[in-house]
């Protein structure tokens, strides 16, 4: 349950604007609480017990936000960066709010399914190695994989600094494409696994986390909220 908080803090947490901006909106008479005009930004309100309207629209207050993004190439999986666009920069205004960050990272040139949230506990559960949440990637390689690669992945690829946990590799016959399912997420891991087998990853795309698949209707750079059912699929 959410406790009573300052009205301006509630509004800013929902992406309405900065604390200064929502304070001005409140003082200008643009906010109603339980049907009454409220011009004091500092008043404390319990959003679970009171109805808040901003410019006539009911505000459905969410403690946490959970988003699915189809990450494009060329952007960083980071909350902010002074030199390179990040996934947070791509979010439309209606999905922006303070505290959002990518739960887990995809390399700058890796695309596909990325979860963005402001729920640190959920992100920790999702990324904790002990929870063994499998991630499925589609890889385009310079040369096809073969059965010896499949067996090597299943046994665990030894790298310079650690040995990977067993992974499932599925070649797509007649192509340079393959699907690989891993339960770790170390830096450049999938690319390094293929490199250890003498193969170069040309393109890499994450399509599934747990039992949650990337929404095929999302274009690169687009994002939408996850449903409660979809959120549970991550941990299935």
Protein backbone atom coordinates (compact mmCIF):
# COMPACT_ATOMS: atom_id res chain seq x y z
CA UNK A 1 0.00 0.00 0.00
CA UNK A 2 1.07 3.56 -0.66
CA UNK A 3 1.08 5.93 2.29
CA UNK A 4 0.00 9.55 2.16
CA UNK A 5 2.54 11.75 0.35
CA UNK A 6 2.83 15.34 -0.82
CA UNK A 7 0.51 16.02 -3.73
CA UNK A 8 3.28 17.50 -5.87
CA UNK A 9 5.47 14.44 -5.21
CA UNK A 10 2.68 12.08 -6.29
CA UNK A 11 2.08 13.96 -9.52
CA UNK A 12 5.77 14.20 -10.42
CA UNK A 13 6.26 10.48 -9.70
CA UNK A 14 3.64 9.70 -12.34
CA UNK A 15 5.41 11.63 -15.08
CA UNK A 16 3.08 14.63 -15.02
CA UNK A 17 6.05 16.99 -14.78
CA UNK A 18 8.86 18.06 -12.50
CA UNK A 19 8.11 18.99 -8.88
CA UNK A 20 8.31 22.66 -9.86
CA UNK A 21 6.01 22.18 -12.89
CA UNK A 22 3.33 20.22 -11.03
CA UNK A 23 3.50 22.71 -8.16
CA UNK A 24 2.63 25.46 -10.62
CA UNK A 25 -0.22 23.35 -12.03
CA UNK A 26 -1.63 22.83 -8.54
CA UNK A 27 -1.44 26.53 -7.65
CA UNK A 28 -3.14 27.42 -10.96
CA UNK A 29 -6.15 25.29 -9.98
CA UNK A 30 -5.60 22.39 -12.41
CA UNK A 31 -5.84 19.63 -9.77
CA UNK A 32 -8.84 18.27 -7.88
CA UNK A 33 -8.63 15.93 -4.87
CA UNK A 34 -11.88 14.11 -4.12
CA UNK A 35 -13.75 16.65 -6.22
CA UNK A 36 -12.33 19.67 -4.41
CA UNK A 37 -9.95 22.22 -5.89
CA UNK A 38 -6.55 21.86 -4.25
CA UNK A 39 -3.99 24.65 -4.54
CA UNK A 40 -1.48 23.52 -1.93
CA UNK A 41 1.33 21.36 -3.40
CA UNK A 42 2.46 20.33 0.08
CA UNK A 43 -0.84 18.77 1.19
CA UNK A 44 -0.52 15.05 1.92
CA UNK A 45 -2.80 12.67 0.00
CA UNK A 46 -3.20 8.90 0.00
CA UNK A 47 -3.63 8.07 -3.72
CA UNK A 48 -5.19 4.70 -2.84
CA UNK A 49 -7.95 6.37 -0.83
CA UNK A 50 -8.50 9.63 -2.72
CA UNK A 51 -9.40 10.45 -6.32
CA UNK A 52 -6.96 12.82 -7.99
CA UNK A 53 -7.92 14.61 -11.20
CA UNK A 54 -5.44 16.55 -13.32
CA UNK A 55 -7.03 18.84 -15.91
CA UNK A 56 -10.23 16.84 -15.58
CA UNK A 57 -8.64 13.41 -16.06
CA UNK A 58 -8.50 10.84 -13.27
CA UNK A 59 -4.91 10.01 -12.32
CA UNK A 60 -4.38 6.27 -11.87
CA UNK A 61 -1.41 6.22 -9.55
CA UNK A 62 1.03 3.33 -9.98
CA UNK A 63 3.72 2.74 -7.39
CA UNK A 64 5.96 1.12 -10.00
CA UNK A 65 6.07 1.12 -13.77
CA UNK A 66 7.05 -1.90 -15.87
CA UNK A 67 7.80 -1.42 -19.56
CA UNK A 68 8.74 -3.66 -22.46
CA UNK A 69 10.94 -2.06 -25.11
CA UNK A 70 12.11 -3.30 -28.47
CA UNK A 71 15.63 -1.90 -28.12
CA UNK A 72 17.19 -0.67 -31.37
CA UNK A 73 20.90 -0.76 -32.17
CA UNK A 74 23.02 2.27 -31.35
CA UNK A 75 21.54 3.23 -27.98
CA UNK A 76 22.86 2.45 -24.52
CA UNK A 77 21.05 0.34 -21.93
CA UNK A 78 21.46 3.03 -19.29
CA UNK A 79 19.36 5.59 -17.47
CA UNK A 80 21.48 8.50 -18.72
CA UNK A 81 24.62 9.28 -20.64
CA UNK A 82 26.13 12.63 -21.59
CA UNK A 83 27.41 11.52 -24.99
CA UNK A 84 25.19 8.72 -26.36
CA UNK A 85 21.39 8.31 -26.53
CA UNK A 86 19.97 5.87 -24.00
CA UNK A 87 16.86 3.70 -23.93
CA UNK A 88 15.29 6.14 -21.46
CA UNK A 89 15.72 8.95 -24.00
CA UNK A 90 13.54 6.96 -26.42
CA UNK A 91 10.52 6.78 -24.10
CA UNK A 92 7.50 8.92 -25.05
CA UNK A 93 6.39 11.54 -22.53
CA UNK A 94 3.44 9.45 -21.29
CA UNK A 95 5.80 6.65 -20.22
CA UNK A 96 8.49 8.81 -18.62
CA UNK A 97 8.89 9.20 -14.89
CA UNK A 98 11.70 9.75 -12.44
CA UNK A 99 13.75 6.71 -11.44
CA UNK A 100 13.29 4.52 -14.52
CA UNK A 101 16.22 2.31 -15.50
CA UNK A 102 16.83 -0.75 -17.71
CA UNK A 103 16.60 -3.98 -15.71
CA UNK A 104 19.63 -5.70 -17.16
CA UNK A 105 21.60 -4.55 -20.15
CA UNK A 106 21.89 -5.23 -23.83
CA UNK A 107 25.08 -4.23 -25.64
CA UNK A 108 24.89 -1.02 -27.65
CA UNK A 109 24.52 -2.92 -30.94
CA UNK A 110 22.30 -5.71 -29.53
CA UNK A 111 18.56 -5.35 -30.13
CA UNK A 112 15.31 -6.78 -28.84
CA UNK A 113 13.53 -7.36 -25.56
CA UNK A 114 14.48 -5.01 -22.73
CA UNK A 115 12.60 -4.43 -19.47
CA UNK A 116 12.54 -0.90 -18.06
CA UNK A 117 11.23 -0.22 -14.56
CA UNK A 118 11.64 1.81 -11.37
CA UNK A 119 11.15 -1.24 -9.14
CA UNK A 120 14.61 -2.13 -7.83
CA UNK A 121 13.45 -5.24 -5.95
CA UNK A 122 11.82 -6.69 -9.07
CA UNK A 123 14.94 -5.97 -11.14
CA UNK A 124 17.11 -7.69 -8.53
CA UNK A 125 14.90 -10.80 -8.59
CA UNK A 126 14.97 -10.83 -12.38
CA UNK A 127 18.75 -10.57 -12.59
CA UNK A 128 19.75 -12.76 -9.63
CA UNK A 129 21.70 -15.79 -10.96
CA UNK A 130 20.03 -18.10 -8.44
CA UNK A 131 16.65 -17.52 -10.12
CA UNK A 132 17.94 -18.95 -13.42
CA UNK A 133 15.79 -16.83 -15.72
CA UNK A 134 16.61 -18.02 -19.22
CA UNK A 135 17.05 -15.54 -22.07
CA UNK A 136 16.62 -16.54 -25.70
CA UNK A 137 18.67 -14.78 -28.39
CA UNK A 138 18.70 -14.97 -32.16
CA UNK A 139 22.17 -14.58 -33.64
CA UNK A 140 23.39 -13.93 -37.18
CA UNK A 141 26.92 -15.29 -37.60
CA UNK A 142 29.65 -15.05 -40.20
CA UNK A 143 29.58 -18.86 -40.66
CA UNK A 144 27.00 -21.50 -39.69
CA UNK A 145 27.20 -23.40 -36.42
CA UNK A 146 27.50 -27.19 -36.43
CA UNK A 147 26.83 -30.08 -34.08
CA UNK A 148 30.19 -29.72 -32.32
CA UNK A 149 29.19 -26.16 -31.40
CA UNK A 150 25.86 -27.41 -30.05
CA UNK A 151 27.66 -29.95 -27.86
CA UNK A 152 30.22 -27.39 -26.67
CA UNK A 153 27.49 -24.94 -25.63
CA UNK A 154 25.66 -27.74 -23.79
CA UNK A 155 28.81 -28.57 -21.83
CA UNK A 156 29.62 -24.95 -20.94
CA UNK A 157 31.98 -22.75 -22.93
CA UNK A 158 35.26 -21.99 -21.09
CA UNK A 159 36.28 -18.35 -21.39
CA UNK A 160 39.38 -16.59 -20.13
CA UNK A 161 37.84 -15.41 -16.85
CA UNK A 162 35.05 -17.94 -16.23
CA UNK A 163 33.30 -21.00 -17.64
CA UNK A 164 29.78 -20.39 -18.88
CA UNK A 165 26.90 -22.41 -17.54
CA UNK A 166 25.50 -24.95 -20.02
CA UNK A 167 23.48 -23.27 -22.76
CA UNK A 168 21.16 -24.49 -25.50
CA UNK A 169 22.24 -23.78 -29.07
CA UNK A 170 19.88 -24.42 -31.98
CA UNK A 171 21.18 -23.92 -35.53
CA UNK A 172 18.68 -22.86 -38.19
CA UNK A 173 19.42 -25.23 -41.09
CA UNK A 174 20.67 -23.71 -44.32
CA UNK A 175 21.45 -20.32 -42.78
CA UNK A 176 24.05 -18.51 -40.71
CA UNK A 177 21.39 -18.01 -38.03
CA UNK A 178 21.12 -19.70 -34.65
CA UNK A 179 19.12 -19.45 -31.44
CA UNK A 180 20.92 -19.59 -28.12
CA UNK A 181 19.39 -19.76 -24.66
CA UNK A 182 21.48 -18.73 -21.65
CA UNK A 183 20.74 -18.11 -17.98
CA UNK A 184 23.59 -15.72 -17.32
CA UNK A 185 24.11 -12.18 -18.50
CA UNK A 186 27.77 -11.39 -18.17
CA UNK A 187 29.41 -8.69 -20.32
CA UNK A 188 29.36 -9.62 -24.03
CA UNK A 189 28.77 -13.22 -22.96
CA UNK A 190 26.91 -14.56 -26.00
CA UNK A 191 29.35 -12.92 -28.41
CA UNK A 192 32.30 -14.28 -26.44
CA UNK A 193 30.82 -17.79 -26.43
CA UNK A 194 30.56 -17.78 -30.20
CA UNK A 195 34.02 -16.22 -30.53
CA UNK A 196 35.43 -19.09 -28.47
CA UNK A 197 34.09 -21.38 -31.20
CA UNK A 198 35.67 -19.30 -33.97
CA UNK A 199 32.51 -17.51 -35.03
CA UNK A 200 31.75 -13.81 -35.25
CA UNK A 201 28.33 -12.47 -34.23
CA UNK A 202 27.13 -10.02 -36.88
CA UNK A 203 23.73 -9.33 -35.31
CA UNK A 204 22.22 -10.29 -31.95
CA UNK A 205 18.61 -9.94 -30.84
CA UNK A 206 16.95 -10.97 -27.57
CA UNK A 207 13.47 -12.35 -28.14
CA UNK A 208 12.47 -13.91 -24.81
CA UNK A 209 13.06 -13.62 -21.06
CA UNK A 210 11.63 -16.44 -18.97
CA UNK A 211 8.36 -17.13 -20.76
CA UNK A 212 7.87 -13.53 -21.90
CA UNK A 213 8.34 -12.98 -25.64
CA UNK A 214 9.03 -9.64 -27.28
CA UNK A 215 5.80 -8.16 -28.61
CA UNK A 216 6.14 -8.44 -32.42
CA UNK A 217 4.02 -5.32 -32.88
CA UNK A 218 6.64 -3.13 -31.19
CA UNK A 219 8.85 -1.38 -33.71
CA UNK A 220 12.52 -0.73 -32.84
CA UNK A 221 12.62 1.99 -30.18
CA UNK A 222 8.98 1.57 -29.17
CA UNK A 223 7.85 0.62 -25.67
CA UNK A 224 4.64 -0.17 -23.84
CA UNK A 225 3.52 -1.11 -20.36
CA UNK A 226 3.60 -4.75 -19.31
CA UNK A 227 0.40 -6.36 -18.07
CA UNK A 228 0.39 -8.15 -14.72
CA UNK A 229 0.21 -11.47 -16.55
CA UNK A 230 3.23 -10.60 -18.71
CA UNK A 231 5.21 -9.56 -15.65
CA UNK A 232 4.60 -12.99 -14.12
CA UNK A 233 5.79 -14.69 -17.33
CA UNK A 234 9.31 -13.34 -16.76
CA UNK A 235 9.57 -15.52 -13.68
CA UNK A 236 7.89 -18.58 -15.23
